[in-house]
Protein backbone atom coordinates (compact mmCIF):
# COMPACT_ATOMS: atom_id res chain seq x y z
CA MET A 1 25.57 -113.25 -190.94
CA LEU A 2 24.66 -113.53 -187.33
CA SER A 3 23.10 -110.49 -185.77
CA ILE A 4 24.38 -109.10 -182.47
CA GLN A 5 21.06 -109.80 -180.78
CA LYS A 6 21.12 -113.41 -181.94
CA ILE A 7 24.66 -113.92 -180.62
CA PHE A 8 23.89 -112.57 -177.14
CA ASN A 9 20.58 -114.38 -176.76
CA PHE A 10 21.45 -117.42 -174.62
CA ASN A 11 18.32 -119.35 -175.58
CA ASN A 12 19.35 -119.29 -179.23
CA PHE A 13 22.62 -121.07 -178.39
CA GLN A 14 20.76 -124.27 -177.69
CA LYS A 15 18.24 -123.98 -180.52
CA ASP A 16 20.43 -122.91 -183.42
CA GLY A 17 23.50 -124.87 -182.47
CA LEU A 18 25.67 -121.75 -182.56
CA PHE A 19 28.37 -123.48 -180.53
CA LYS A 20 28.43 -126.27 -183.06
CA ASP A 21 29.18 -123.80 -185.84
CA LEU A 22 31.69 -121.74 -183.87
CA PHE A 23 33.52 -124.63 -182.20
CA ASP A 24 33.47 -127.66 -184.42
CA ILE A 25 34.99 -130.35 -182.22
CA LYS A 26 36.08 -132.60 -185.10
CA SER A 27 38.19 -129.94 -186.75
CA PHE A 28 39.66 -129.00 -183.36
CA VAL A 29 40.65 -132.61 -182.67
CA ILE A 30 42.22 -132.96 -186.12
CA VAL A 31 44.19 -129.72 -185.82
CA PHE A 32 45.25 -130.55 -182.27
CA THR A 33 46.39 -134.04 -183.33
CA ILE A 34 48.43 -132.67 -186.24
CA PHE A 35 49.96 -130.02 -183.98
CA SER A 36 50.80 -132.67 -181.36
CA LEU A 37 52.46 -134.94 -183.91
CA ILE A 38 54.54 -132.08 -185.31
CA SER A 39 55.52 -131.04 -181.79
CA ILE A 40 56.56 -134.58 -180.82
CA TRP A 41 58.51 -135.00 -184.06
CA SER A 42 60.41 -131.73 -183.61
CA SER A 43 61.23 -132.42 -179.95
CA ASP A 44 62.53 -135.88 -180.92
CA LEU A 45 64.66 -134.30 -183.64
CA VAL A 46 66.12 -131.79 -181.18
CA TYR A 47 66.77 -134.52 -178.60
CA ASN A 48 68.62 -136.69 -181.13
CA LYS A 49 70.76 -133.77 -182.28
CA THR A 50 71.56 -132.88 -178.66
CA LYS A 51 72.58 -136.48 -178.01
CA LYS A 52 74.83 -136.47 -181.08
CA ILE A 53 76.45 -133.17 -180.06
CA LYS A 54 77.12 -134.54 -176.58
CA TYR A 55 78.74 -137.66 -178.07
CA LEU A 56 80.89 -135.58 -180.44
CA ASN A 57 82.02 -133.31 -177.59
CA LYS A 58 83.15 -136.36 -175.59
CA GLU A 59 84.96 -137.68 -178.66
CA LEU A 60 86.63 -134.28 -179.13
CA GLU A 61 87.85 -134.29 -175.53
CA LYS A 62 89.35 -137.76 -176.02
CA LEU A 63 91.13 -136.64 -179.19
CA LYS A 64 92.48 -133.52 -177.48
CA ALA A 65 93.85 -135.63 -174.63
CA GLU A 66 95.43 -138.05 -177.10
CA TYR A 67 96.99 -135.13 -179.02
CA VAL A 68 98.50 -133.65 -175.87
CA SER A 69 99.93 -136.98 -174.71
CA THR A 70 101.36 -137.75 -178.17
CA LYS A 71 102.91 -134.29 -178.36
CA THR A 72 104.46 -134.75 -174.91
CA ILE A 73 105.96 -138.10 -175.92
CA LEU A 74 107.35 -136.59 -179.13
CA MET A 75 108.88 -133.66 -177.26
CA SER A 76 110.56 -135.96 -174.76
CA LYS A 77 111.95 -138.21 -177.53
CA SER A 78 113.31 -135.29 -179.53
CA LYS A 79 115.37 -133.79 -176.70
CA LYS A 80 119.06 -133.39 -177.41
CA SER A 81 120.11 -135.68 -174.55
CA VAL A 82 117.84 -138.51 -175.72
CA LEU A 83 119.04 -138.16 -179.31
CA LEU A 84 122.70 -138.22 -178.19
CA GLN A 85 122.06 -141.33 -176.13
CA LYS A 86 120.42 -143.13 -179.06
CA GLY A 87 123.17 -141.96 -181.42
CA SER A 88 125.86 -143.34 -179.09
CA GLN A 89 124.34 -146.82 -179.56
CA PHE A 90 125.30 -146.55 -183.25
CA GLY A 91 128.76 -145.16 -182.52
CA LEU A 92 127.84 -141.53 -183.18
CA SER A 93 128.90 -138.68 -180.92
CA GLU A 94 128.31 -134.97 -180.62
CA SER A 95 130.57 -132.80 -182.71
CA LYS A 96 132.94 -130.48 -180.86
CA ASN A 97 132.91 -127.94 -183.72
CA PRO A 98 129.86 -125.82 -184.48
CA VAL A 99 127.86 -126.54 -187.60
CA LYS A 100 129.00 -124.69 -190.71
CA ILE A 101 126.47 -123.77 -193.36
CA MET A 102 127.61 -123.74 -196.95
CA TYR A 103 125.68 -122.03 -199.72
CA LEU A 104 126.15 -123.23 -203.29
CA GLU A 105 125.26 -121.21 -206.31
CA TYR A 106 124.63 -122.96 -209.58
CA GLU A 107 123.28 -122.02 -212.95
CA ASN A 108 120.85 -124.03 -215.07
């Protein structure tokens, strides 16, 4: 153990190499290098994930736009007037009488 007097005596710093024991530069460099590599790796991982999320958000916006346009086309093609016009090409016309619903009951 180092005594308090030995620690605060500045002349002993040079003789005993107290700084060498307290601050070993090799271990500091190794720890700092490992920490730097881990930090660079994690930032690269976060950057790649952010890039992927940005790409997927753009893709989602494209799909939403395609969905809306397809839905609009479907709605316009399923209007009654458009269906009557297409049916008239095959000789079909709109019925003058309302639709009657018939319910059948049967036994197995």
